[in-house]
Each structure stands twice: as structure tokens, then as C-alpha cells.
Amino acid sequence: MASIFSKIISGEIPCHKVAENERCFAFLDIRPVVFGHTLVVPKQEIDYYFDLPDDYITALNLFAKKIAHVLKQEVPCIRIGVMVAGLEVPHAHIHLIPMNSIAELSFTGSRPTFAQEEMAALAQRLQDGYSKL
């Protein structure tokens, strides 16, 4: 059975897409810990991050680096935090989280909600920024 991320990548489930290339896909998290929380996933469905082939893990991280640079330009923050947990969805993924404190990397607290229009506008700005790289 395909993971929810595979269904997002294939277009079966809608998302606020940020960018994609031949191997990777980035989209805004539907349950963000902060505004701009972005997920970066390989298009190939592999459950565990460290089971990704070396060339794929390299490609995924280089793709995430580009997304992080664009994200930092669009969402005011000190840094873009990186989290690889992999417990929520059986599909390797990287969380990119705009942060001003380490507490913003916590997944245990309440999560803010944002209007779909606000999320769509951010996704469009990120797409535009990514296309200029």
C-alpha cells in the first residue's frame, strides 16, 4: 500500500507543493509545528531514511539545502532547523523548520493552524524562489 507521501507525490492527495525534481519532492506540512514547516521526501518510497541508497540520500539532502535557502528568505527566522525522525509516516523524509529557538523543533506541543490561502501564498513564493536557483 502506498504511503500518504507517495499519494501526495502522485497527485492523489492535494498539497501545497514547494518544488520537485526527478528524485525529490517538497511540500508544506499539513500539521506544521511553525509557519513554513516543509517536508522533503524522496519520490522513491523507502521507509527508513538510512536505508536510502547513498546517491539518493545525497540528492535528497542537496535538494533540501536549496529548499532551506529559499525558505529562510521567505519566513523570518534565525535558522532553518532540520529534523529526521521518521516515525509518523513509513516514507523517508526531512523536516525543514523555520526556527528562532530550539523549542520550535518540538513535535509534542500544540500545533498552530493557518488559513489555506496563507499556505498557498507561501508555497507559491517558495516555488518562485526555487525556480530562480
N, C-alpha and C. Protein backbone atom coordinates (compact mmCIF):
# COMPACT_ATOMS: atom_id res chain seq x y z
N MET A 1 0.84 -1.19 0.00
CA MET A 1 0.00 0.00 0.00
C MET A 1 0.89 1.25 0.00
N ALA A 2 0.56 2.18 -0.85
CA ALA A 2 1.35 3.40 -0.98
C ALA A 2 1.21 4.27 0.26
N SER A 3 2.32 4.90 0.64
CA SER A 3 2.29 5.81 1.79
C SER A 3 1.53 7.08 1.42
N ILE A 4 1.15 7.84 2.42
CA ILE A 4 0.46 9.11 2.17
C ILE A 4 1.36 10.03 1.35
N PHE A 5 2.68 9.95 1.56
CA PHE A 5 3.58 10.81 0.79
C PHE A 5 3.61 10.38 -0.68
N SER A 6 3.57 9.09 -0.95
CA SER A 6 3.52 8.63 -2.34
C SER A 6 2.24 9.10 -3.01
N LYS A 7 1.14 9.12 -2.26
CA LYS A 7 -0.13 9.60 -2.80
C LYS A 7 -0.09 11.11 -3.05
N ILE A 8 0.63 11.85 -2.22
CA ILE A 8 0.81 13.29 -2.44
C ILE A 8 1.65 13.51 -3.69
N ILE A 9 2.75 12.79 -3.81
CA ILE A 9 3.64 12.92 -4.96
C ILE A 9 2.90 12.61 -6.26
N SER A 10 2.06 11.59 -6.25
CA SER A 10 1.33 11.19 -7.46
C SER A 10 0.14 12.10 -7.77
N GLY A 11 -0.21 12.98 -6.84
CA GLY A 11 -1.34 13.89 -7.05
C GLY A 11 -2.68 13.34 -6.58
N GLU A 12 -2.68 12.15 -5.98
CA GLU A 12 -3.92 11.58 -5.44
C GLU A 12 -4.44 12.39 -4.25
N ILE A 13 -3.52 12.96 -3.49
CA ILE A 13 -3.87 13.79 -2.33
C ILE A 13 -3.29 15.17 -2.60
N PRO A 14 -4.10 16.23 -2.47
CA PRO A 14 -3.59 17.57 -2.74
C PRO A 14 -2.59 18.03 -1.67
N CYS A 15 -1.72 18.95 -2.07
CA CYS A 15 -0.76 19.53 -1.13
C CYS A 15 -0.40 20.93 -1.59
N HIS A 16 0.34 21.61 -0.74
CA HIS A 16 0.92 22.90 -1.11
C HIS A 16 2.35 22.61 -1.52
N LYS A 17 2.51 22.30 -2.81
CA LYS A 17 3.81 21.90 -3.34
C LYS A 17 4.77 23.08 -3.35
N VAL A 18 6.00 22.81 -2.93
CA VAL A 18 7.05 23.81 -2.93
C VAL A 18 7.95 23.63 -4.15
N ALA A 19 8.40 22.40 -4.40
CA ALA A 19 9.29 22.14 -5.52
C ALA A 19 9.41 20.64 -5.74
N GLU A 20 9.93 20.28 -6.90
CA GLU A 20 10.26 18.89 -7.17
C GLU A 20 11.32 18.82 -8.24
N ASN A 21 12.02 17.71 -8.25
CA ASN A 21 12.92 17.39 -9.34
C ASN A 21 12.70 15.92 -9.68
N GLU A 22 13.59 15.32 -10.44
CA GLU A 22 13.37 13.95 -10.88
C GLU A 22 13.35 12.94 -9.74
N ARG A 23 13.98 13.26 -8.59
CA ARG A 23 14.08 12.30 -7.49
C ARG A 23 13.40 12.74 -6.19
N CYS A 24 13.12 14.03 -6.06
CA CYS A 24 12.68 14.57 -4.76
C CYS A 24 11.45 15.46 -4.92
N PHE A 25 10.76 15.63 -3.80
CA PHE A 25 9.51 16.40 -3.77
C PHE A 25 9.45 17.14 -2.43
N ALA A 26 9.05 18.39 -2.44
CA ALA A 26 8.92 19.18 -1.21
C ALA A 26 7.54 19.83 -1.15
N PHE A 27 6.94 19.81 0.03
CA PHE A 27 5.62 20.40 0.21
C PHE A 27 5.46 20.86 1.66
N LEU A 28 4.54 21.79 1.86
CA LEU A 28 4.28 22.30 3.22
C LEU A 28 3.58 21.23 4.04
N ASP A 29 4.00 21.10 5.28
CA ASP A 29 3.39 20.13 6.20
C ASP A 29 1.97 20.58 6.50
N ILE A 30 1.03 19.64 6.44
CA ILE A 30 -0.38 19.96 6.71
C ILE A 30 -0.63 20.23 8.20
N ARG A 31 0.26 19.72 9.06
CA ARG A 31 0.18 19.96 10.51
C ARG A 31 1.51 20.56 10.97
N PRO A 32 1.79 21.80 10.55
CA PRO A 32 3.11 22.38 10.83
C PRO A 32 3.33 22.66 12.32
N VAL A 33 4.59 22.56 12.73
CA VAL A 33 4.93 22.97 14.10
C VAL A 33 5.12 24.48 14.15
N VAL A 34 5.48 25.08 13.02
CA VAL A 34 5.56 26.53 12.85
C VAL A 34 5.20 26.85 11.40
N PHE A 35 4.93 28.10 11.12
CA PHE A 35 4.63 28.52 9.76
C PHE A 35 5.86 28.26 8.87
N GLY A 36 5.62 27.60 7.76
CA GLY A 36 6.69 27.32 6.81
C GLY A 36 7.27 25.93 6.93
N HIS A 37 6.84 25.15 7.91
CA HIS A 37 7.33 23.78 8.11
C HIS A 37 7.15 23.01 6.80
N THR A 38 8.25 22.55 6.25
CA THR A 38 8.26 21.92 4.94
C THR A 38 8.80 20.50 5.04
N LEU A 39 8.20 19.60 4.28
CA LEU A 39 8.66 18.21 4.21
C LEU A 39 9.36 18.00 2.88
N VAL A 40 10.51 17.34 2.95
CA VAL A 40 11.28 17.00 1.76
C VAL A 40 11.37 15.48 1.71
N VAL A 41 10.88 14.89 0.63
CA VAL A 41 10.78 13.43 0.55
C VAL A 41 11.37 12.92 -0.76
N PRO A 42 11.90 11.71 -0.72
CA PRO A 42 12.31 11.09 -1.98
C PRO A 42 11.06 10.60 -2.72
N LYS A 43 11.10 10.63 -4.01
CA LYS A 43 9.96 10.10 -4.77
C LYS A 43 9.89 8.59 -4.66
N GLN A 44 11.02 7.95 -4.48
CA GLN A 44 11.04 6.51 -4.26
C GLN A 44 10.61 6.23 -2.83
N GLU A 45 9.65 5.35 -2.66
CA GLU A 45 9.13 5.05 -1.32
C GLU A 45 10.04 4.07 -0.60
N ILE A 46 10.84 4.61 0.30
CA ILE A 46 11.70 3.83 1.17
C ILE A 46 11.40 4.29 2.58
N ASP A 47 11.09 3.36 3.45
CA ASP A 47 10.63 3.67 4.80
C ASP A 47 11.67 4.41 5.63
N TYR A 48 12.85 3.87 5.76
CA TYR A 48 13.83 4.36 6.73
C TYR A 48 14.88 5.21 6.03
N TYR A 49 15.06 6.42 6.53
CA TYR A 49 15.99 7.39 5.95
C TYR A 49 17.36 6.77 5.66
N PHE A 50 17.91 6.03 6.61
CA PHE A 50 19.25 5.48 6.45
C PHE A 50 19.29 4.22 5.59
N ASP A 51 18.14 3.81 5.06
CA ASP A 51 18.11 2.75 4.06
C ASP A 51 18.17 3.31 2.63
N LEU A 52 18.10 4.63 2.50
CA LEU A 52 18.21 5.23 1.18
C LEU A 52 19.59 4.93 0.60
N PRO A 53 19.67 4.60 -0.69
CA PRO A 53 20.98 4.42 -1.32
C PRO A 53 21.80 5.72 -1.19
N ASP A 54 23.11 5.58 -1.15
CA ASP A 54 23.98 6.74 -0.94
C ASP A 54 23.72 7.88 -1.91
N ASP A 55 23.56 7.55 -3.19
CA ASP A 55 23.33 8.61 -4.17
C ASP A 55 21.98 9.29 -3.95
N TYR A 56 21.01 8.55 -3.45
CA TYR A 56 19.68 9.12 -3.22
C TYR A 56 19.68 10.01 -1.97
N ILE A 57 20.36 9.58 -0.92
CA ILE A 57 20.42 10.39 0.30
C ILE A 57 21.18 11.69 0.03
N THR A 58 22.19 11.61 -0.83
CA THR A 58 22.92 12.82 -1.23
C THR A 58 22.01 13.75 -2.01
N ALA A 59 21.30 13.22 -2.98
CA ALA A 59 20.39 14.04 -3.79
C ALA A 59 19.31 14.67 -2.93
N LEU A 60 18.76 13.91 -1.98
CA LEU A 60 17.71 14.42 -1.11
C LEU A 60 18.23 15.58 -0.26
N ASN A 61 19.42 15.43 0.29
CA ASN A 61 19.98 16.48 1.13
C ASN A 61 20.37 17.73 0.34
N LEU A 62 20.88 17.56 -0.86
CA LEU A 62 21.19 18.72 -1.69
C LEU A 62 19.92 19.46 -2.11
N PHE A 63 18.87 18.71 -2.39
CA PHE A 63 17.58 19.30 -2.71
C PHE A 63 17.05 20.06 -1.48
N ALA A 64 17.12 19.44 -0.30
CA ALA A 64 16.66 20.09 0.94
C ALA A 64 17.44 21.37 1.21
N LYS A 65 18.72 21.36 0.91
CA LYS A 65 19.55 22.56 1.11
C LYS A 65 19.01 23.74 0.29
N LYS A 66 18.66 23.48 -0.97
CA LYS A 66 18.10 24.54 -1.81
C LYS A 66 16.77 25.04 -1.25
N ILE A 67 15.93 24.11 -0.84
CA ILE A 67 14.63 24.50 -0.27
C ILE A 67 14.85 25.33 1.00
N ALA A 68 15.80 24.93 1.84
CA ALA A 68 16.08 25.65 3.08
C ALA A 68 16.51 27.08 2.81
N HIS A 69 17.32 27.30 1.79
CA HIS A 69 17.76 28.66 1.46
C HIS A 69 16.58 29.54 1.06
N VAL A 70 15.70 29.00 0.24
CA VAL A 70 14.52 29.75 -0.20
C VAL A 70 13.58 29.97 0.98
N LEU A 71 13.39 28.96 1.80
CA LEU A 71 12.50 29.07 2.97
C LEU A 71 12.98 30.16 3.91
N LYS A 72 14.28 30.23 4.14
CA LYS A 72 14.83 31.25 5.05
C LYS A 72 14.60 32.66 4.51
N GLN A 73 14.57 32.81 3.20
CA GLN A 73 14.30 34.12 2.59
C GLN A 73 12.83 34.53 2.75
N GLU A 74 11.94 33.56 2.81
CA GLU A 74 10.51 33.85 2.83
C GLU A 74 9.86 33.84 4.21
N VAL A 75 10.46 33.16 5.17
CA VAL A 75 9.89 33.08 6.51
C VAL A 75 10.91 33.64 7.49
N PRO A 76 10.59 34.74 8.16
CA PRO A 76 11.55 35.32 9.10
C PRO A 76 11.93 34.32 10.20
N CYS A 77 13.23 34.07 10.32
CA CYS A 77 13.73 33.14 11.33
C CYS A 77 15.23 33.30 11.45
N ILE A 78 15.78 32.73 12.52
CA ILE A 78 17.23 32.74 12.69
C ILE A 78 17.88 31.64 11.84
N ARG A 79 17.26 30.47 11.88
CA ARG A 79 17.80 29.32 11.15
C ARG A 79 16.66 28.47 10.61
N ILE A 80 17.03 27.58 9.70
CA ILE A 80 16.12 26.52 9.29
C ILE A 80 16.61 25.27 10.00
N GLY A 81 15.79 24.76 10.92
CA GLY A 81 16.13 23.54 11.64
C GLY A 81 15.84 22.33 10.77
N VAL A 82 16.58 21.28 11.03
CA VAL A 82 16.43 20.04 10.27
C VAL A 82 16.12 18.92 11.25
N MET A 83 15.09 18.14 10.92
CA MET A 83 14.71 17.01 11.77
C MET A 83 14.45 15.81 10.87
N VAL A 84 15.04 14.69 11.25
CA VAL A 84 14.74 13.42 10.60
C VAL A 84 14.31 12.49 11.72
N ALA A 85 13.02 12.24 11.79
CA ALA A 85 12.50 11.36 12.85
C ALA A 85 12.02 10.05 12.23
N GLY A 86 11.09 10.17 11.30
CA GLY A 86 10.67 9.00 10.54
C GLY A 86 9.72 8.05 11.23
N LEU A 87 9.06 8.51 12.27
CA LEU A 87 8.14 7.62 12.97
C LEU A 87 6.69 7.79 12.52
N GLU A 88 6.36 8.93 11.97
CA GLU A 88 4.95 9.23 11.66
C GLU A 88 4.46 8.59 10.38
N VAL A 89 5.31 8.57 9.36
CA VAL A 89 4.92 8.07 8.04
C VAL A 89 6.03 7.12 7.57
N PRO A 90 5.66 5.94 7.07
CA PRO A 90 6.67 4.98 6.62
C PRO A 90 7.24 5.33 5.23
N HIS A 91 7.80 6.51 5.14
CA HIS A 91 8.39 7.01 3.90
C HIS A 91 9.45 8.02 4.35
N ALA A 92 10.70 7.77 4.04
CA ALA A 92 11.79 8.64 4.48
C ALA A 92 11.45 10.10 4.18
N HIS A 93 11.80 10.99 5.11
CA HIS A 93 11.54 12.40 4.90
C HIS A 93 12.37 13.26 5.84
N ILE A 94 12.56 14.50 5.40
CA ILE A 94 13.28 15.51 6.17
C ILE A 94 12.30 16.63 6.48
N HIS A 95 12.28 17.06 7.74
CA HIS A 95 11.50 18.23 8.14
C HIS A 95 12.42 19.44 8.08
N LEU A 96 12.01 20.49 7.39
CA LEU A 96 12.70 21.78 7.41
C LEU A 96 11.81 22.74 8.18
N ILE A 97 12.33 23.27 9.29
CA ILE A 97 11.50 24.05 10.20
C ILE A 97 12.13 25.41 10.47
N PRO A 98 11.49 26.50 10.00
CA PRO A 98 11.99 27.82 10.36
C PRO A 98 11.96 27.98 11.88
N MET A 99 13.07 28.42 12.46
CA MET A 99 13.10 28.47 13.92
C MET A 99 13.86 29.68 14.45
N ASN A 100 13.39 30.13 15.59
CA ASN A 100 14.06 31.18 16.34
C ASN A 100 14.52 30.67 17.69
N SER A 101 14.09 29.46 18.05
CA SER A 101 14.54 28.82 19.28
C SER A 101 14.47 27.31 19.09
N ILE A 102 15.23 26.60 19.88
CA ILE A 102 15.27 25.14 19.79
C ILE A 102 13.90 24.52 20.12
N ALA A 103 13.10 25.21 20.92
CA ALA A 103 11.78 24.70 21.29
C ALA A 103 10.89 24.52 20.07
N GLU A 104 11.16 25.23 19.00
CA GLU A 104 10.33 25.12 17.80
C GLU A 104 10.56 23.82 17.03
N LEU A 105 11.52 23.03 17.46
CA LEU A 105 11.72 21.72 16.85
C LEU A 105 10.92 20.63 17.55
N SER A 106 10.12 21.02 18.52
CA SER A 106 9.32 20.04 19.27
C SER A 106 8.05 19.68 18.53
N PHE A 107 7.77 18.38 18.50
CA PHE A 107 6.56 17.89 17.86
C PHE A 107 5.50 17.50 18.89
N THR A 108 5.78 17.77 20.17
CA THR A 108 4.88 17.31 21.23
C THR A 108 3.86 18.35 21.66
N GLY A 109 4.07 19.61 21.37
CA GLY A 109 3.13 20.64 21.81
C GLY A 109 1.97 20.80 20.85
N SER A 110 1.14 21.77 21.15
CA SER A 110 0.02 22.07 20.25
C SER A 110 0.59 22.68 18.97
N ARG A 111 -0.12 22.48 17.90
CA ARG A 111 0.34 22.97 16.61
C ARG A 111 -0.56 24.10 16.12
N PRO A 112 0.04 25.13 15.58
CA PRO A 112 -0.77 26.24 15.08
C PRO A 112 -1.50 25.86 13.80
N THR A 113 -2.53 26.60 13.50
CA THR A 113 -3.24 26.39 12.23
C THR A 113 -3.13 27.67 11.41
N PHE A 114 -3.14 27.50 10.12
CA PHE A 114 -3.02 28.63 9.21
C PHE A 114 -4.07 28.49 8.11
N ALA A 115 -4.54 29.61 7.62
CA ALA A 115 -5.53 29.61 6.55
C ALA A 115 -4.94 28.99 5.29
N GLN A 116 -5.75 28.27 4.54
CA GLN A 116 -5.29 27.63 3.31
C GLN A 116 -4.73 28.68 2.33
N GLU A 117 -5.32 29.85 2.33
CA GLU A 117 -4.85 30.92 1.44
C GLU A 117 -3.43 31.35 1.83
N GLU A 118 -3.16 31.40 3.12
CA GLU A 118 -1.84 31.77 3.62
C GLU A 118 -0.80 30.71 3.24
N MET A 119 -1.19 29.45 3.37
CA MET A 119 -0.30 28.34 3.00
C MET A 119 -0.05 28.34 1.48
N ALA A 120 -1.09 28.55 0.70
CA ALA A 120 -0.96 28.57 -0.75
C ALA A 120 -0.05 29.72 -1.20
N ALA A 121 -0.21 30.87 -0.57
CA ALA A 121 0.62 32.02 -0.92
C ALA A 121 2.10 31.75 -0.60
N LEU A 122 2.35 31.15 0.55
CA LEU A 122 3.73 30.82 0.90
C LEU A 122 4.29 29.79 -0.09
N ALA A 123 3.54 28.75 -0.38
CA ALA A 123 4.00 27.74 -1.33
C ALA A 123 4.35 28.38 -2.67
N GLN A 124 3.54 29.31 -3.12
CA GLN A 124 3.82 29.98 -4.40
C GLN A 124 5.11 30.80 -4.33
N ARG A 125 5.32 31.51 -3.22
CA ARG A 125 6.55 32.29 -3.06
C ARG A 125 7.78 31.36 -3.04
N LEU A 126 7.63 30.22 -2.38
CA LEU A 126 8.73 29.26 -2.33
C LEU A 126 8.99 28.66 -3.71
N GLN A 127 7.93 28.35 -4.45
CA GLN A 127 8.10 27.84 -5.82
C GLN A 127 8.83 28.87 -6.68
N ASP A 128 8.42 30.12 -6.55
CA ASP A 128 9.04 31.19 -7.33
C ASP A 128 10.52 31.33 -6.98
N GLY A 129 10.82 31.29 -5.69
CA GLY A 129 12.21 31.39 -5.25
C GLY A 129 13.05 30.21 -5.71
N TYR A 130 12.49 29.02 -5.63
CA TYR A 130 13.20 27.82 -6.06
C TYR A 130 13.48 27.86 -7.56
N SER A 131 12.53 28.35 -8.33
CA SER A 131 12.71 28.39 -9.79
C SER A 131 13.82 29.34 -10.22
N LYS A 132 14.21 30.25 -9.33
CA LYS A 132 15.29 31.21 -9.65
C LYS A 132 16.67 30.68 -9.27
N LEU A 133 16.72 29.53 -8.63
CA LEU A 133 18.03 28.98 -8.24
C LEU A 133 18.77 28.40 -9.43
